[in-house]
Amino acid sequence: MVYSYNKLWKLLIDRKITKTEMRKRAGISTNMLAKMGKSEPVSMETLAKISTVLECGLDDIVEIQSDAEKGGN
């Protein structure tokens, strides 16, 4: 599985919110933010906190693709 948080990063830029500010408002740890920065999976609870703070849907902040979708064999 491939996780992409590019939609989240773009949303933050569009709303002029820093990653640190979003992290504090959502009440998530720096470790979770670091995992997202490395395109690693995070808990549904973390994603729900972020989407609640930003008032958006989960599909507005994360994309999940299978390895086959990204061009694997």
C-alpha atoms as a PDB file:
ATOM      1  CA  MET A   1       0.000   0.000   0.000  1.00  0.00           C
ATOM      2  CA  VAL A   2       1.129   3.521  -0.808  1.00  0.00           C
ATOM      3  CA  TYR A   3      -0.062   6.401   1.375  1.00  0.00           C
ATOM      4  CA  SER A   4      -0.005   9.966   0.096  1.00  0.00           C
ATOM      5  CA  TYR A   5      -0.738  13.000   2.253  1.00  0.00           C
ATOM      6  CA  ASN A   6      -0.066  15.478  -0.582  1.00  0.00           C
ATOM      7  CA  LYS A   7      -3.706  16.591  -0.487  1.00  0.00           C
ATOM      8  CA  LEU A   8      -3.279  17.495   3.191  1.00  0.00           C
ATOM      9  CA  TRP A   9      -0.089  19.466   2.598  1.00  0.00           C
ATOM     10  CA  LYS A  10      -1.748  21.388  -0.249  1.00  0.00           C
ATOM     11  CA  LEU A  11      -4.832  22.068   1.889  1.00  0.00           C
ATOM     12  CA  LEU A  12      -2.635  23.479   4.658  1.00  0.00           C
ATOM     13  CA  ILE A  13      -0.848  25.764   2.173  1.00  0.00           C
ATOM     14  CA  ASP A  14      -4.145  26.940   0.698  1.00  0.00           C
ATOM     15  CA  ARG A  15      -5.462  27.768   4.177  1.00  0.00           C
ATOM     16  CA  LYS A  16      -2.148  29.287   5.318  1.00  0.00           C
ATOM     17  CA  ILE A  17      -1.846  26.838   8.223  1.00  0.00           C
ATOM     18  CA  THR A  18       1.542  25.451   9.245  1.00  0.00           C
ATOM     19  CA  LYS A  19       2.024  21.740   9.913  1.00  0.00           C
ATOM     20  CA  THR A  20       2.900  22.583  13.524  1.00  0.00           C
ATOM     21  CA  GLU A  21      -0.253  24.657  13.977  1.00  0.00           C
ATOM     22  CA  MET A  22      -2.395  21.876  12.487  1.00  0.00           C
ATOM     23  CA  ARG A  23      -0.655  19.305  14.710  1.00  0.00           C
ATOM     24  CA  LYS A  24      -1.369  21.334  17.857  1.00  0.00           C
ATOM     25  CA  ARG A  25      -4.985  22.094  16.930  1.00  0.00           C
ATOM     26  CA  ALA A  26      -5.665  18.432  16.109  1.00  0.00           C
ATOM     27  CA  GLY A  27      -3.878  17.187  19.216  1.00  0.00           C
ATOM     28  CA  ILE A  28      -1.614  14.749  17.385  1.00  0.00           C
ATOM     29  CA  SER A  29       1.981  13.939  18.259  1.00  0.00           C
ATOM     30  CA  THR A  30       5.077  15.061  16.409  1.00  0.00           C
ATOM     31  CA  ASN A  31       5.719  11.363  15.780  1.00  0.00           C
ATOM     32  CA  MET A  32       2.431  11.048  13.840  1.00  0.00           C
ATOM     33  CA  LEU A  33       3.286  14.142  11.800  1.00  0.00           C
ATOM     34  CA  ALA A  34       6.725  12.685  11.047  1.00  0.00           C
ATOM     35  CA  LYS A  35       5.167   9.398   9.881  1.00  0.00           C
ATOM     36  CA  MET A  36       2.876  11.335   7.567  1.00  0.00           C
ATOM     37  CA  GLY A  37       5.871  13.258   6.237  1.00  0.00           C
ATOM     38  CA  LYS A  38       7.421   9.901   5.274  1.00  0.00           C
ATOM     39  CA  SER A  39       4.174   8.695   3.635  1.00  0.00           C
ATOM     40  CA  GLU A  40       3.696   6.023   6.302  1.00  0.00           C
ATOM     41  CA  PRO A  41       0.281   4.870   7.538  1.00  0.00           C
ATOM     42  CA  VAL A  42      -1.204   6.513  10.636  1.00  0.00           C
ATOM     43  CA  SER A  43      -4.243   5.571  12.717  1.00  0.00           C
ATOM     44  CA  MET A  44      -7.795   6.337  11.654  1.00  0.00           C
ATOM     45  CA  GLU A  45      -8.118   8.295  14.917  1.00  0.00           C
ATOM     46  CA  THR A  46      -5.286  10.610  13.817  1.00  0.00           C
ATOM     47  CA  LEU A  47      -6.865  11.158  10.394  1.00  0.00           C
ATOM     48  CA  ALA A  48     -10.260  11.805  12.010  1.00  0.00           C
ATOM     49  CA  LYS A  49      -8.782  14.428  14.347  1.00  0.00           C
ATOM     50  CA  ILE A  50      -7.166  16.233  11.417  1.00  0.00           C
ATOM     51  CA  SER A  51     -10.284  16.126   9.247  1.00  0.00           C
ATOM     52  CA  THR A  52     -12.393  17.422  12.160  1.00  0.00           C
ATOM     53  CA  VAL A  53     -10.065  20.373  12.777  1.00  0.00           C
ATOM     54  CA  LEU A  54      -9.859  21.214   9.068  1.00  0.00           C
ATOM     55  CA  GLU A  55     -13.585  20.546   8.541  1.00  0.00           C
ATOM     56  CA  CYS A  56     -13.006  18.273   5.578  1.00  0.00           C
ATOM     57  CA  GLY A  57     -13.388  14.624   4.625  1.00  0.00           C
ATOM     58  CA  LEU A  58     -10.773  11.896   4.906  1.00  0.00           C
ATOM     59  CA  ASP A  59     -10.498  11.767   1.120  1.00  0.00           C
ATOM     60  CA  ASP A  60      -9.472  15.450   1.234  1.00  0.00           C
ATOM     61  CA  ILE A  61      -6.329  14.640   3.231  1.00  0.00           C
ATOM     62  CA  VAL A  62      -5.115  11.158   2.294  1.00  0.00           C
ATOM     63  CA  GLU A  63      -4.903   8.943  -0.783  1.00  0.00           C
ATOM     64  CA  ILE A  64      -4.261   5.223  -0.473  1.00  0.00           C
ATOM     65  CA  GLN A  65      -3.197   3.162  -3.462  1.00  0.00           C
ATOM     66  CA  SER A  66      -2.345  -0.500  -3.766  1.00  0.00           C
ATOM     67  CA  ASP A  67       1.126  -1.318  -5.055  1.00  0.00           C
ATOM     68  CA  ALA A  68      -0.474  -2.495  -8.312  1.00  0.00           C
ATOM     69  CA  GLU A  69      -2.137   0.893  -8.874  1.00  0.00           C
ATOM     70  CA  LYS A  70       1.153   2.776  -8.701  1.00  0.00           C
ATOM     71  CA  GLY A  71       2.479   0.812 -11.658  1.00  0.00           C
ATOM     72  CA  GLY A  72       3.733  -2.443 -10.161  1.00  0.00           C
ATOM     73  CA  ASN A  73       3.485  -5.788 -11.974  1.00  0.00           C
END
